[in-house]
N, C-alpha and C. Protein backbone atom coordinates (compact mmCIF):
# COMPACT_ATOMS: atom_id res chain seq x y z
N MET A 1 -17.83 8.00 39.82
CA MET A 1 -17.36 6.15 39.79
C MET A 1 -15.87 6.11 39.99
N PRO A 2 -15.67 4.92 40.79
CA PRO A 2 -14.24 4.85 40.88
C PRO A 2 -13.71 4.09 39.69
N TYR A 3 -12.45 4.02 39.66
CA TYR A 3 -11.66 3.27 38.39
C TYR A 3 -10.86 1.84 39.13
N LEU A 4 -10.52 1.02 38.09
CA LEU A 4 -10.33 0.54 37.97
C LEU A 4 -9.02 -0.02 37.11
N ILE A 5 -7.59 0.11 37.12
CA ILE A 5 -6.63 0.57 36.21
C ILE A 5 -5.77 -0.20 35.93
N ASP A 6 -5.65 -0.47 34.42
CA ASP A 6 -4.27 -1.41 33.94
C ASP A 6 -3.41 -0.69 34.25
N GLY A 7 -2.31 -0.69 34.85
CA GLY A 7 -1.17 0.28 35.10
C GLY A 7 -0.10 0.52 33.88
N HIS A 8 0.18 -0.63 33.85
CA HIS A 8 1.55 -1.10 32.63
C HIS A 8 0.43 -0.92 31.11
N ASN A 9 -0.67 -1.18 31.22
CA ASN A 9 -1.31 -0.77 29.70
C ASN A 9 -1.32 0.81 29.49
N LEU A 10 -1.67 1.60 30.50
CA LEU A 10 -1.67 2.94 30.49
C LEU A 10 -0.66 3.54 30.50
N ILE A 11 0.49 3.39 31.11
CA ILE A 11 1.66 4.33 31.36
C ILE A 11 2.32 4.34 29.98
N PRO A 12 2.44 3.48 28.61
CA PRO A 12 2.94 3.79 27.72
C PRO A 12 2.10 4.89 26.67
N LYS A 13 0.84 5.10 26.75
CA LYS A 13 0.15 5.92 26.90
C LYS A 13 0.24 7.30 27.24
N VAL A 14 0.84 7.26 28.62
CA VAL A 14 0.73 8.92 29.11
C VAL A 14 2.28 9.74 28.56
N PRO A 15 2.00 10.57 28.16
CA PRO A 15 2.78 11.50 27.73
C PRO A 15 4.02 11.94 28.77
N GLY A 16 5.27 11.45 28.53
CA GLY A 16 6.14 11.63 29.37
C GLY A 16 6.76 10.55 30.31
N LEU A 17 5.73 9.22 30.17
CA LEU A 17 5.94 8.07 31.24
C LEU A 17 6.67 6.82 30.08
N SER A 18 7.23 6.15 30.49
CA SER A 18 7.59 5.10 29.67
C SER A 18 7.78 3.89 30.69
N LEU A 19 7.72 2.61 30.38
CA LEU A 19 7.61 1.63 31.14
C LEU A 19 9.06 0.90 31.43
N ASN A 20 10.11 1.91 30.60
CA ASN A 20 11.54 1.66 31.06
C ASN A 20 11.90 2.65 32.32
N ASP A 21 11.08 3.58 32.60
CA ASP A 21 11.79 4.21 33.88
C ASP A 21 11.54 3.51 35.09
N ILE A 22 12.75 3.55 36.01
CA ILE A 22 12.70 2.90 37.17
C ILE A 22 11.49 2.78 38.14
N ASP A 23 10.81 4.27 37.49
CA ASP A 23 9.53 4.66 39.05
C ASP A 23 8.87 5.20 38.03
N ASP A 24 8.40 4.50 36.86
CA ASP A 24 7.30 4.69 36.27
C ASP A 24 5.50 4.39 36.98
N GLU A 25 5.73 3.22 38.11
CA GLU A 25 4.59 3.21 38.30
C GLU A 25 4.33 4.09 39.48
N MET A 26 5.40 4.72 40.02
CA MET A 26 5.23 5.62 41.11
C MET A 26 4.72 7.05 40.53
N GLN A 27 5.15 7.40 39.12
CA GLN A 27 5.34 8.50 38.33
C GLN A 27 3.40 8.53 38.37
N LEU A 28 3.01 7.16 37.73
CA LEU A 28 1.61 7.48 37.31
C LEU A 28 0.68 7.10 38.49
N VAL A 29 1.07 6.60 39.57
CA VAL A 29 0.59 7.07 40.57
C VAL A 29 0.16 8.61 41.29
N GLU A 30 1.47 9.00 41.32
CA GLU A 30 1.46 10.22 41.79
C GLU A 30 0.70 11.15 40.63
N MET A 31 0.32 10.87 39.56
CA MET A 31 -0.97 11.38 38.53
C MET A 31 -2.03 11.02 38.85
N LEU A 32 -2.09 9.84 39.14
CA LEU A 32 -3.54 9.80 39.58
C LEU A 32 -4.00 9.60 40.69
N GLN A 33 -2.93 10.48 41.98
CA GLN A 33 -3.60 10.67 43.00
C GLN A 33 -4.09 12.29 42.68
N GLU A 34 -3.19 13.04 42.00
CA GLU A 34 -3.90 14.20 41.64
C GLU A 34 -5.21 14.53 40.91
N PHE A 35 -5.17 13.34 40.17
CA PHE A 35 -6.43 13.20 39.19
C PHE A 35 -8.00 12.49 40.11
N CYS A 36 -7.70 12.05 40.92
CA CYS A 36 -8.36 11.41 41.72
C CYS A 36 -8.85 13.05 42.94
N ARG A 37 -7.93 13.11 43.61
CA ARG A 37 -7.87 14.63 44.55
C ARG A 37 -8.95 15.52 43.39
N ARG A 38 -8.46 15.96 42.57
CA ARG A 38 -9.61 16.84 41.60
C ARG A 38 -10.63 16.31 41.45
N LYS A 39 -11.00 15.16 41.11
CA LYS A 39 -12.33 14.59 40.37
C LYS A 39 -13.31 14.21 42.12
N GLY A 40 -12.45 14.11 42.96
CA GLY A 40 -13.28 13.53 44.06
C GLY A 40 -13.84 11.75 43.58
N LYS A 41 -12.87 11.05 43.10
CA LYS A 41 -12.86 9.82 42.82
C LYS A 41 -11.87 9.19 43.68
N GLN A 42 -11.94 7.39 43.09
CA GLN A 42 -11.18 6.59 43.73
C GLN A 42 -10.41 5.80 42.88
N ALA A 43 -9.37 5.13 42.91
CA ALA A 43 -9.03 4.37 41.71
C ALA A 43 -8.15 3.15 42.68
N GLU A 44 -8.46 1.94 41.77
CA GLU A 44 -7.10 0.95 42.19
C GLU A 44 -6.28 0.87 41.02
N VAL A 45 -5.38 0.74 40.83
CA VAL A 45 -4.45 0.51 39.72
C VAL A 45 -3.86 -0.61 40.07
N PHE A 46 -3.80 -1.70 39.04
CA PHE A 46 -2.68 -2.56 39.02
C PHE A 46 -1.88 -2.90 38.42
N PHE A 47 -0.71 -3.50 38.66
CA PHE A 47 0.48 -3.18 38.09
C PHE A 47 1.29 -5.23 38.14
N ASP A 48 1.28 -5.82 37.10
CA ASP A 48 2.55 -6.68 36.67
C ASP A 48 3.55 -7.11 37.59
N LYS A 49 4.08 -8.00 37.93
CA LYS A 49 5.33 -8.53 38.31
C LYS A 49 5.88 -7.34 39.47
N ALA A 50 5.23 -7.75 40.37
CA ALA A 50 5.49 -7.06 41.90
C ALA A 50 7.22 -7.66 42.03
N PRO A 51 7.94 -6.92 42.78
CA PRO A 51 8.83 -7.05 43.30
C PRO A 51 9.20 -8.00 44.38
N PRO A 52 9.99 -9.09 44.21
CA PRO A 52 9.57 -10.04 45.23
C PRO A 52 9.89 -9.44 46.76
N GLY A 53 9.02 -9.89 47.64
CA GLY A 53 9.36 -9.46 49.05
C GLY A 53 8.62 -8.08 49.34
N GLY A 54 8.24 -7.18 48.17
CA GLY A 54 7.55 -5.83 48.43
C GLY A 54 6.15 -6.48 48.99
N ARG A 55 5.60 -5.39 49.50
CA ARG A 55 4.26 -5.25 49.72
C ARG A 55 3.29 -5.08 48.35
N SER A 56 1.84 -6.26 48.18
CA SER A 56 0.96 -6.24 47.26
C SER A 56 0.44 -4.96 46.95
N VAL A 57 0.18 -4.74 48.43
CA VAL A 57 -1.20 -3.28 48.15
C VAL A 57 -0.60 -2.37 48.74
N ARG A 58 -0.65 -1.50 48.44
CA ARG A 58 0.02 0.57 49.20
C ARG A 58 -1.00 1.22 48.75
N VAL A 59 -1.32 1.44 49.71
CA VAL A 59 -2.65 2.76 49.53
C VAL A 59 -2.13 4.28 49.81
N PHE A 60 -2.55 4.79 48.67
CA PHE A 60 -1.77 6.11 48.41
C PHE A 60 -2.94 7.26 48.40
N GLY A 61 -3.70 7.64 49.72
CA GLY A 61 -4.74 8.31 49.53
C GLY A 61 -5.79 7.89 48.75
N LEU A 62 -6.38 8.28 47.83
CA LEU A 62 -7.72 7.82 47.07
C LEU A 62 -7.11 7.08 45.89
N VAL A 63 -5.90 6.40 45.93
CA VAL A 63 -5.22 5.41 45.14
C VAL A 63 -4.96 4.11 45.91
N THR A 64 -5.01 3.31 45.55
CA THR A 64 -4.89 1.98 46.13
C THR A 64 -4.10 1.10 44.62
N ALA A 65 -2.51 1.00 45.11
CA ALA A 65 -1.88 0.47 44.12
C ALA A 65 -2.04 -0.96 44.65
N ARG A 66 -1.76 -1.96 43.45
CA ARG A 66 -2.08 -3.41 43.74
C ARG A 66 -1.11 -3.91 42.72
N PHE A 67 0.07 -4.66 43.55
CA PHE A 67 1.18 -4.97 42.77
C PHE A 67 1.03 -6.62 42.61
N VAL A 68 0.90 -6.85 41.08
CA VAL A 68 0.76 -8.53 41.01
C VAL A 68 1.89 -9.50 41.16
N ARG A 69 1.70 -10.25 42.03
CA ARG A 69 3.01 -11.49 42.07
C ARG A 69 3.12 -12.14 40.87
N GLN A 70 4.29 -12.56 40.57
CA GLN A 70 4.62 -13.39 39.14
C GLN A 70 3.88 -14.96 39.64
N GLY A 71 3.56 -15.05 38.38
CA GLY A 71 2.75 -16.51 38.31
C GLY A 71 1.17 -15.56 37.59
N SER A 72 0.87 -14.45 37.85
CA SER A 72 -0.23 -13.94 37.59
C SER A 72 -0.05 -12.95 36.79
N THR A 73 -1.14 -12.06 36.42
CA THR A 73 -1.10 -11.01 35.32
C THR A 73 -1.95 -9.80 36.41
N ALA A 74 -1.68 -8.69 35.84
CA ALA A 74 -2.80 -7.24 36.17
C ALA A 74 -4.07 -7.66 35.58
N ASP A 75 -3.96 -8.25 34.23
CA ASP A 75 -5.15 -8.42 33.56
C ASP A 75 -6.27 -9.73 34.91
N GLU A 76 -5.84 -10.41 35.03
CA GLU A 76 -6.61 -11.40 35.59
C GLU A 76 -6.55 -10.87 36.98
N ALA A 77 -5.92 -10.30 37.54
CA ALA A 77 -6.25 -9.57 39.01
C ALA A 77 -7.47 -8.32 38.55
N ILE A 78 -7.37 -7.59 37.42
CA ILE A 78 -8.70 -6.89 37.29
C ILE A 78 -9.86 -7.63 37.03
N ILE A 79 -10.15 -8.72 36.26
CA ILE A 79 -11.13 -9.68 35.89
C ILE A 79 -11.36 -10.05 37.76
N ALA A 80 -10.79 -10.89 38.13
CA ALA A 80 -10.96 -11.27 39.61
C ALA A 80 -11.90 -10.31 40.51
N ARG A 81 -11.32 -9.09 40.13
CA ARG A 81 -11.69 -7.97 41.12
C ARG A 81 -13.23 -7.64 40.97
N LEU A 82 -13.09 -7.60 39.40
CA LEU A 82 -14.80 -7.34 38.95
C LEU A 82 -15.43 -8.62 39.72
N ASP A 83 -15.11 -9.98 39.61
CA ASP A 83 -16.03 -10.84 40.08
C ASP A 83 -16.36 -10.64 41.53
N ARG A 84 -15.46 -10.53 42.21
CA ARG A 84 -15.77 -9.58 43.51
C ARG A 84 -16.56 -8.72 43.78
N LEU A 85 -16.69 -7.98 42.90
CA LEU A 85 -17.62 -6.88 42.89
C LEU A 85 -19.19 -7.32 42.44
N GLY A 86 -18.73 -8.43 41.98
CA GLY A 86 -20.40 -8.57 41.52
C GLY A 86 -21.39 -7.50 40.63
N LYS A 87 -22.72 -7.47 41.05
CA LYS A 87 -23.25 -6.42 40.56
C LYS A 87 -22.54 -5.16 41.03
N ALA A 88 -21.82 -4.97 41.65
CA ALA A 88 -21.73 -3.72 41.85
C ALA A 88 -20.43 -3.23 41.20
N ALA A 89 -19.93 -3.90 40.17
CA ALA A 89 -19.30 -3.61 39.01
C ALA A 89 -19.64 -3.02 38.11
N ARG A 90 -20.96 -2.63 37.95
CA ARG A 90 -21.70 -1.78 36.88
C ARG A 90 -21.55 -0.16 37.31
N ASN A 91 -21.02 0.32 38.69
CA ASN A 91 -20.22 1.13 39.47
C ASN A 91 -19.16 1.84 39.24
N TRP A 92 -18.49 0.80 38.74
CA TRP A 92 -16.73 1.17 38.37
C TRP A 92 -16.47 1.34 36.91
N ILE A 93 -15.37 2.12 36.77
CA ILE A 93 -14.89 2.24 35.29
C ILE A 93 -13.40 1.61 35.26
N VAL A 94 -13.71 0.71 34.06
CA VAL A 94 -12.64 -0.11 33.73
C VAL A 94 -11.47 0.44 32.81
N VAL A 95 -10.23 0.75 33.21
CA VAL A 95 -9.38 1.71 32.25
C VAL A 95 -8.59 0.75 31.77
N SER A 96 -8.62 0.07 30.62
CA SER A 96 -7.61 -0.50 29.77
C SER A 96 -7.77 -0.81 28.25
N SER A 97 -6.83 -0.98 27.41
CA SER A 97 -6.98 -1.30 26.04
C SER A 97 -6.78 -2.51 25.91
N ASP A 98 -6.75 -3.00 26.70
CA ASP A 98 -6.52 -5.07 26.25
C ASP A 98 -8.11 -5.33 26.03
N ARG A 99 -8.16 -5.96 25.06
CA ARG A 99 -9.28 -6.42 24.56
C ARG A 99 -9.85 -7.43 25.83
N GLN A 100 -9.18 -8.38 26.42
CA GLN A 100 -9.86 -9.02 27.39
C GLN A 100 -10.25 -8.31 28.50
N VAL A 101 -9.68 -7.53 29.02
CA VAL A 101 -9.93 -6.82 30.05
C VAL A 101 -11.46 -6.21 30.05
N SER A 102 -11.18 -5.43 28.77
CA SER A 102 -12.55 -4.57 28.17
C SER A 102 -13.70 -5.26 28.28
N THR A 103 -13.56 -6.50 27.78
CA THR A 103 -14.74 -7.49 27.53
C THR A 103 -15.25 -8.00 28.56
N ALA A 104 -14.67 -8.58 29.73
CA ALA A 104 -14.65 -8.76 30.93
C ALA A 104 -15.53 -7.67 31.79
N ALA A 105 -14.98 -6.62 31.90
CA ALA A 105 -15.94 -5.32 32.24
C ALA A 105 -17.20 -5.28 31.81
N ARG A 106 -17.44 -4.97 30.51
CA ARG A 106 -18.78 -4.94 29.39
C ARG A 106 -19.67 -6.20 30.04
N ALA A 107 -19.03 -7.27 30.40
CA ALA A 107 -19.64 -8.77 30.64
C ALA A 107 -20.52 -8.27 31.74
N LYS A 108 -19.59 -7.76 32.36
CA LYS A 108 -19.99 -7.33 34.12
C LYS A 108 -20.78 -6.05 34.48
N HIS A 109 -21.34 -5.80 33.08
CA HIS A 109 -21.62 -4.33 33.17
C HIS A 109 -20.96 -3.46 33.61
N ALA A 110 -19.65 -2.99 33.62
CA ALA A 110 -18.73 -2.24 34.41
C ALA A 110 -18.55 -0.85 32.71
N THR A 111 -18.28 0.26 33.25
CA THR A 111 -18.03 0.82 31.83
C THR A 111 -16.88 0.58 31.56
N SER A 112 -16.34 0.44 30.50
CA SER A 112 -15.05 0.20 29.87
C SER A 112 -14.41 1.45 29.21
N LEU A 113 -13.09 1.70 29.47
CA LEU A 113 -12.79 3.17 28.89
C LEU A 113 -11.62 2.88 28.45
N SER A 114 -11.07 3.49 27.24
CA SER A 114 -9.76 3.10 26.52
C SER A 114 -8.36 3.78 27.59
N SER A 115 -7.70 3.21 27.40
CA SER A 115 -6.52 3.86 27.90
C SER A 115 -6.19 5.15 27.76
N GLU A 116 -6.45 5.31 26.34
CA GLU A 116 -6.35 6.36 25.40
C GLU A 116 -7.12 7.55 25.60
N ALA A 117 -8.20 6.91 25.55
CA ALA A 117 -9.54 8.07 26.57
C ALA A 117 -9.29 8.78 27.58
N PHE A 118 -8.86 7.75 28.56
CA PHE A 118 -8.35 7.96 30.11
C PHE A 118 -7.48 8.86 30.40
N VAL A 119 -6.13 8.70 29.27
CA VAL A 119 -5.31 9.81 29.25
C VAL A 119 -5.26 11.10 29.14
N SER A 120 -6.77 11.45 28.11
CA SER A 120 -7.30 12.78 27.65
C SER A 120 -7.85 13.05 28.86
N LEU A 121 -8.56 12.35 29.77
CA LEU A 121 -9.44 12.89 31.11
C LEU A 121 -7.90 13.44 31.76
N LEU A 122 -7.13 12.76 32.18
CA LEU A 122 -5.66 12.41 32.95
C LEU A 122 -5.09 14.29 32.70
N THR A 123 -4.90 14.13 31.26
CA THR A 123 -4.64 15.57 31.02
C THR A 123 -5.24 16.52 30.67
N GLN A 124 -6.27 16.65 30.85
CA GLN A 124 -7.30 17.86 30.82
C GLN A 124 -7.39 18.19 32.27
N THR A 125 -7.28 16.84 33.39
CA THR A 125 -7.32 17.87 34.77
C THR A 125 -5.90 18.29 35.30
N GLN A 126 -5.07 17.98 34.91
CA GLN A 126 -3.53 18.32 35.25
C GLN A 126 -3.72 20.16 34.94
N GLY A 127 -4.57 20.46 33.54
CA GLY A 127 -4.35 21.56 33.34
C GLY A 127 -5.20 22.37 33.91
N GLU A 128 -6.12 21.45 35.04
CA GLU A 128 -7.32 22.48 35.48
C GLU A 128 -6.96 23.68 36.56
């Protein structure tokens, strides 16, 4: 199953990453690329506060990074993506510890996984 990931919710939970790092998003994308490559999965990761003038969607192999523009949030974008998926949402895993996102995932019959639980999978994969 592919993943929908709340990037800024996940970053503080990953050892060695911090929201204060200038390149925190790219560090996470690189980790996700390795995870997806090893697991044969795809992921879409959503980040708040896209830089002005930058591309809102960037593809890095099996990982698609979606940078949400000011005026909206990654949470809203993930919920909207679940809505667009319709019944296919049940085939996705949503990674977030945000209650609103987790509730929306369950309502759409997607699998909900906390950021902390996903970090455990991520770190296990790094050790393989």
